[in-house]
Amino acid sequence: MSGGAQPPPAAPPPAAEPYEAVAPHWFHRQAAGPRERWVPFSAQDSERLERALGSGRDDDDLVVPTSGGRYDVHLKKRQRVAVYWEEEVSEVRRCTWFYKGDKDNKYIPYSETFSEELEEAYMTAVTLDEWKKKLESPNREIIILHNPKLMVHYHPAASSDDWGSTPTEQGRPRTVKRGVENIAAEIPNGEPLQIDHLVFVVHGIGPACDIRFRSIVQCVNDFRNVSLSMLQAHFKRAQEQQQIGRVEFLPVNWHSSLHSTGVDVDLERITLPSINRLRHFINDTILDVFFYNSSTYCQTIVDTVASEMNRLHQLFMQRNPHFKGGVSIAGHSLGSLILFDLLTNQKAAPEEDEPSEEGSGTTSSTRGIEDIKEILKKLELSEYCDAFEKEKMDGQALFLCTEKNLKEMGIPLGPRMKILHYISSKTEMQDQSTAVPGTRGAEPGSPSQCDPDSTDDSRNCQYRDVGLGQVSANYPQLNYKPTIFFAFGSPIGMFLTVRGVKRINPNYSLPTCKGFFNIFHPFDPVAYRIEPMIVPDLEFEPMLLPHHKGRKRMHLELKEGLTRMSVDLKNNLLGSLRVAWQSFTRAPLPAVEAASPDAEAEAEASAEKQPDTKPEETPAAAKEEAAFINVGRLNGGNRIDYVLQEKPIESFNEYLFALQGHLCYWESEDTVLLVLKEIYQTQGITLDQPLPGGQ
């Protein structure tokens, strides 16, 4: 036995896997109707929250800005609070353990305290290699840790266990996961900290802004997210060189303020009970257009929009004291009209708007007397100059005169009527002169662009003030000068026309804003053009917005190619028919005699001399010429109207996609790219690759 082989030693038990602590990630709860949805913070926000928690500070007011500074997280209260707008406070959790929900298969985090219990049980199981541990949650739900890869959550079907059944027999098991990396959550990287430009976005009619009935806050969130992806795709070089950060978009809500005035109660009192939902929709949305055309509620709307933009600007500057960028504004639908009316009533700085006052005091009285002489001369009443000079009346004083004053000066009835008619006509034109460059701030009685006594009415009165027909309201002033005004799906052109403005002076520009872009979808039923009001004598197409991927949509290229082909065929066919007609109408020649070369040359020459032989211009050439049309100073000499390219499916039926065409701008990459391109162009930064067809 002693010489026999020894049995092999027993294999040692497998060593337990070393325990590694779970990496937490922060989530916030988002209410979506009856369901709850937990959304992860970006990677950088989660790290910032974790650092703040680990700093050891136990302040009640420890606040961490997140989501680009638009939300503050109150760490001790575990609350997420909106900074710039009103929104329900949401719960915040430091999450490590998750279970799969019943309804939408989304993972839901356990509470922080129960997650700590699960982590302790997991650590013990890993360290001692003792599995199949059972834990009971505060809701009497059972979690069983079978092994590191299989952990199950049982939701009991009944509230009691009177029949003695085990928890595993009561409900369908749900998967449990440890760590955010195991639940396939889409965690955003976060936004650049540097803000280059600020844009305020004003909504149109109603509380809902898109086809999914979402609020202006949600739609602007989409617009901002698209802008971040467009920056990465088209400004990558500038981002790598750290020349740019991002553009911040903030929503401006005026609908809730308007409908909190008590007008809804008044409307409800007079609304018929039939078709209740339709009438409620009309009261809540369509009537906003009528409210804006009411002097009472127009004042409420413009006050709300201006004060809200000023408040947001002030708050933004307080939270971003090092911000040196510009501010632009954007409006959708009726919101663009509200902004346009506000901008037309802004007052430019004195140095920009008024002539120098140096030396004006010594000549004002002399100029006033000269004005009164010129006025009386126009009215063929020069013989009464002495009476006005005796009373030391100048042009300004003339416009303060009443019939009683003129009668006391001894002016007869006929001349009195002439003077009073002139005063009333001139006063009306003076009210409109603020929109005509060179006449803003002019003295009453000074020559105006629309002189009521001018014989050349077609020349002097072809332009009307863009403020003509505006609702009588006191338009507030903004605390800043907008760099660019973007209008999406805008009815500005229609409202100006309805108000009586047929043409816009090519020399007119907004007093405090030098850029204006009118962007619309071709099927948008609410959108109207601006450029034909400035250049009415020319017919030209709006600028076609290039596709963000760098080419025209395929169905549009095909359509344009077919159009060009048909034009070429038509030109060739007409040319052939003309030559045949010329040969047919010539004097007959003997059948055996061949046509001489001179005769053929003469026929060709006569065909070329025909006035109708000019070939039709192809659409591409016409659009190229249209790009260089002078459309005035409203956008600094650049084009104003920009049309989006419709999607292939939209081209099948224009009427079917009309409503969607009016609500498509929030997620339109082409719209966002134009906004970014124009904003960064003011800073001397261009796209990585110029898009074909771009301006």
Foldseek 3Di string as FASTA:
>chain_A
DVPDDDDDDDDDDDAFDADDDFDWFKWKWDDDDPDIDIATFAPVQRVVLVVLVVPPDPDQADWDQGQLNQWIQRNVVQWIAGDQDDDDIIGMAGFWKWWADDPPRATDGDHPVVVVVVRVVVNVCRNVVDAQDWDADPQRWIWGGHDQVFIKIADAPDSDCVVVDDSVPGGDIIGMDGHPVPRPHDHHNHFFNDAAEEEEEEEAFFQAQAPVRDGPQVLLVLLQVLQRVLCVVWVVVCVVVVVHGGHHYHYQDQLVVLVVPCVVVVCVVVDDPPPPVVSVVCVRGVCVVVLCQAQVSVQSRLVRRQVSVQVSVVSVCVVVVPHDHAYAYEYAAVGLQSVVLLLQPAAADCVVADDDCVPVVVCVLVVQLVLVCVVCVLVVNNVCSVLCVVVSGGQQNLLVDDLVVCVVSVDDPVVSVSSVVQSVVQVVQLVQQSQPGPSNPPGRSDDDLQRVSDPPRVRSVLFTRLCQQRRDYDRDYHPHQHAAYEYELYQSVVVSVVSPGQAHALAGARNRYQAAAYEFAPLAPSHDDDLCRHVVVDDADAQEQAASVFHAPPVVVVVLVVQVVVLVVVLVVVLVVQLVVLVVPDDDDDPVDDDDPVVSVVSNVVSVPDPPNDRDDRPVVRNVVVQQDQRHRHGDRGGHYYYYHDDPVCVVDSVVCNSNRSSVQSNRSSNSSVVVQVSCVVVVRHTPDDGPSDD
